[in-house]
């Protein structure tokens, strides 16, 4: 069995997935094709489908007009090793979108992302619950996550 995430875009699917794959190392667009058959969304050729990989995750996408907008019940989480990588992704994805608390943002297509340092997961899984509490409290005050203050909170 294979598990693949699927994204429904109202419009601009190709622009979005080419943008996403340009940002995340190890990503690629496998194919983009118009649907050659009549569908509930329109005549032959009016719907586009695509296959792509972001990092180590497989995705399919469709551009078929409005249906349900993206919402917080699905997000893409990217864990970054360095603050530089986190800042680069954060700045690129927020352009034309909106930022939210705790490392969340919505890109210009409305897709929710969580851009987090890998170190956050390590700090949150520490057996010292007082440390985890300090890190959690620091994270909850942030919009874009910042490794140095998280480390400082962990240290006490």
Protein backbone atom coordinates (compact mmCIF):
# COMPACT_ATOMS: atom_id res chain seq x y z
CA UNK A 1 0.00 0.00 0.00
CA UNK A 2 1.00 3.59 -0.59
CA UNK A 3 -0.28 6.66 1.20
CA UNK A 4 -0.35 9.94 -0.72
CA UNK A 5 -1.69 13.29 0.39
CA UNK A 6 -4.07 14.95 -2.06
CA UNK A 7 -4.61 18.70 -2.45
CA UNK A 8 -7.54 20.37 -4.28
CA UNK A 9 -6.71 23.78 -5.75
CA UNK A 10 -9.33 26.15 -7.08
CA UNK A 11 -6.76 27.64 -9.47
CA UNK A 12 -3.02 28.10 -10.00
CA UNK A 13 -2.13 24.52 -9.02
CA UNK A 14 0.88 24.33 -11.31
CA UNK A 15 2.31 27.63 -10.04
CA UNK A 16 1.80 26.50 -6.44
CA UNK A 17 3.41 23.07 -6.75
CA UNK A 18 6.35 24.40 -8.77
CA UNK A 19 6.84 27.02 -6.03
CA UNK A 20 6.63 24.42 -3.23
CA UNK A 21 9.06 22.04 -4.94
CA UNK A 22 11.53 24.88 -5.53
CA UNK A 23 11.66 25.61 -1.78
CA UNK A 24 12.16 22.17 -0.27
CA UNK A 25 15.29 20.15 -1.12
CA UNK A 26 14.64 16.68 -2.54
CA UNK A 27 11.34 17.78 -4.09
CA UNK A 28 10.17 17.36 -7.67
CA UNK A 29 7.17 17.59 -9.95
CA UNK A 30 6.59 14.16 -11.52
CA UNK A 31 3.90 15.16 -13.99
CA UNK A 32 1.10 17.62 -14.69
CA UNK A 33 -1.68 16.74 -17.09
CA UNK A 34 -5.09 17.98 -18.15
CA UNK A 35 -7.85 15.48 -17.44
CA UNK A 36 -8.90 14.33 -20.93
CA UNK A 37 -12.40 13.32 -19.86
CA UNK A 38 -15.61 15.11 -18.89
CA UNK A 39 -15.80 15.53 -15.11
CA UNK A 40 -18.23 17.08 -12.61
CA UNK A 41 -15.88 20.10 -12.60
CA UNK A 42 -15.90 20.72 -16.34
CA UNK A 43 -15.30 19.60 -19.90
CA UNK A 44 -12.25 17.62 -21.07
CA UNK A 45 -9.04 19.59 -20.46
CA UNK A 46 -10.54 22.02 -17.94
CA UNK A 47 -9.31 20.05 -14.92
CA UNK A 48 -5.59 19.53 -14.28
CA UNK A 49 -4.04 16.78 -12.19
CA UNK A 50 -0.47 16.45 -10.94
CA UNK A 51 1.91 14.25 -9.02
CA UNK A 52 4.80 15.67 -7.00
CA UNK A 53 7.06 15.03 -4.05
CA UNK A 54 7.89 17.46 -1.24
CA UNK A 55 10.97 16.22 0.58
CA UNK A 56 10.12 12.62 1.38
CA UNK A 57 6.32 12.93 1.02
CA UNK A 58 4.21 12.07 -2.03
CA UNK A 59 1.35 14.32 -3.14
CA UNK A 60 -1.30 14.41 -5.81
CA UNK A 61 -3.09 17.61 -6.71
CA UNK A 62 -6.07 18.66 -8.76
CA UNK A 63 -7.09 22.05 -10.10
CA UNK A 64 -10.82 21.82 -10.58
CA UNK A 65 -12.39 25.07 -9.47
CA UNK A 66 -13.93 25.92 -6.12
CA UNK A 67 -15.07 23.20 -3.75
CA UNK A 68 -13.85 23.35 -0.16
CA UNK A 69 -11.13 25.84 0.77
CA UNK A 70 -8.01 24.67 2.59
CA UNK A 71 -8.33 24.88 6.37
CA UNK A 72 -6.38 24.04 9.54
CA UNK A 73 -7.56 20.45 9.59
CA UNK A 74 -4.78 19.73 7.07
CA UNK A 75 -1.37 21.37 7.11
CA UNK A 76 2.08 20.58 5.83
CA UNK A 77 4.74 20.55 8.53
CA UNK A 78 8.33 21.16 7.55
CA UNK A 79 11.02 20.58 10.14
CA UNK A 80 14.17 22.65 9.59
CA UNK A 81 17.61 21.87 10.96
CA UNK A 82 18.76 25.51 11.03
CA UNK A 83 17.24 28.90 11.76
CA UNK A 84 18.45 30.04 8.35
CA UNK A 85 16.41 27.33 6.58
CA UNK A 86 13.40 28.06 8.79
CA UNK A 87 13.60 31.79 8.03
CA UNK A 88 13.98 31.15 4.27
CA UNK A 89 10.90 28.91 4.10
CA UNK A 90 8.86 31.12 6.41
CA UNK A 91 9.57 34.25 4.40
CA UNK A 92 8.89 32.58 1.03
CA UNK A 93 5.64 30.88 2.07
CA UNK A 94 4.18 33.87 3.92
CA UNK A 95 4.50 36.16 0.88
CA UNK A 96 0.93 36.92 -0.17
CA UNK A 97 -0.40 34.83 2.72
CA UNK A 98 -0.80 35.36 6.45
CA UNK A 99 1.10 34.39 9.56
CA UNK A 100 -0.28 32.78 12.69
CA UNK A 101 0.91 31.80 16.15
CA UNK A 102 3.30 28.96 16.96
CA UNK A 103 4.98 28.62 13.58
CA UNK A 104 1.81 28.38 11.49
CA UNK A 105 1.14 30.32 8.33
CA UNK A 106 -1.15 30.26 5.33
CA UNK A 107 0.38 30.67 1.91
CA UNK A 108 -1.15 32.73 -0.91
CA UNK A 109 -3.27 29.70 -1.98
CA UNK A 110 -4.68 29.30 1.55
CA UNK A 111 -2.75 26.12 2.39
CA UNK A 112 -1.68 25.90 6.04
CA UNK A 113 1.96 25.20 6.89
CA UNK A 114 3.82 24.62 10.12
CA UNK A 115 7.46 25.65 9.82
CA UNK A 116 9.29 24.32 12.86
CA UNK A 117 12.85 23.64 13.93
CA UNK A 118 13.75 19.98 14.32
CA UNK A 119 15.16 21.00 17.70
CA UNK A 120 11.65 21.83 18.97
CA UNK A 121 10.62 18.18 18.78
CA UNK A 122 13.75 17.18 20.66
CA UNK A 123 13.11 19.76 23.37
CA UNK A 124 9.42 18.84 23.67
CA UNK A 125 10.25 15.16 24.17
CA UNK A 126 12.73 15.79 26.99
CA UNK A 127 11.95 13.72 30.11
CA UNK A 128 12.29 16.87 32.26
CA UNK A 129 8.71 18.15 32.28
CA UNK A 130 9.71 21.51 33.78
CA UNK A 131 11.96 22.05 30.74
CA UNK A 132 9.15 21.01 28.38
CA UNK A 133 6.83 23.48 30.10
CA UNK A 134 9.31 26.35 29.69
CA UNK A 135 9.85 25.51 26.03
CA UNK A 136 6.07 25.25 25.46
CA UNK A 137 5.45 28.60 27.10
CA UNK A 138 8.18 30.23 24.98
CA UNK A 139 6.83 28.67 21.78
CA UNK A 140 3.26 29.77 22.50
CA UNK A 141 4.42 33.43 22.59
CA UNK A 142 6.04 33.20 19.14
CA UNK A 143 4.67 33.67 15.66
CA UNK A 144 7.69 32.52 13.63
CA UNK A 145 9.59 29.98 15.72
CA UNK A 146 13.11 30.92 16.80
CA UNK A 147 15.57 28.27 17.96
CA UNK A 148 17.72 30.48 20.24
CA UNK A 149 14.88 31.55 22.60
CA UNK A 150 13.59 27.96 22.68
CA UNK A 151 17.06 26.77 23.72
CA UNK A 152 17.24 29.56 26.31
CA UNK A 153 13.86 28.51 27.73
CA UNK A 154 15.05 24.90 27.90
CA UNK A 155 18.17 25.96 29.81
CA UNK A 156 16.01 27.82 32.33
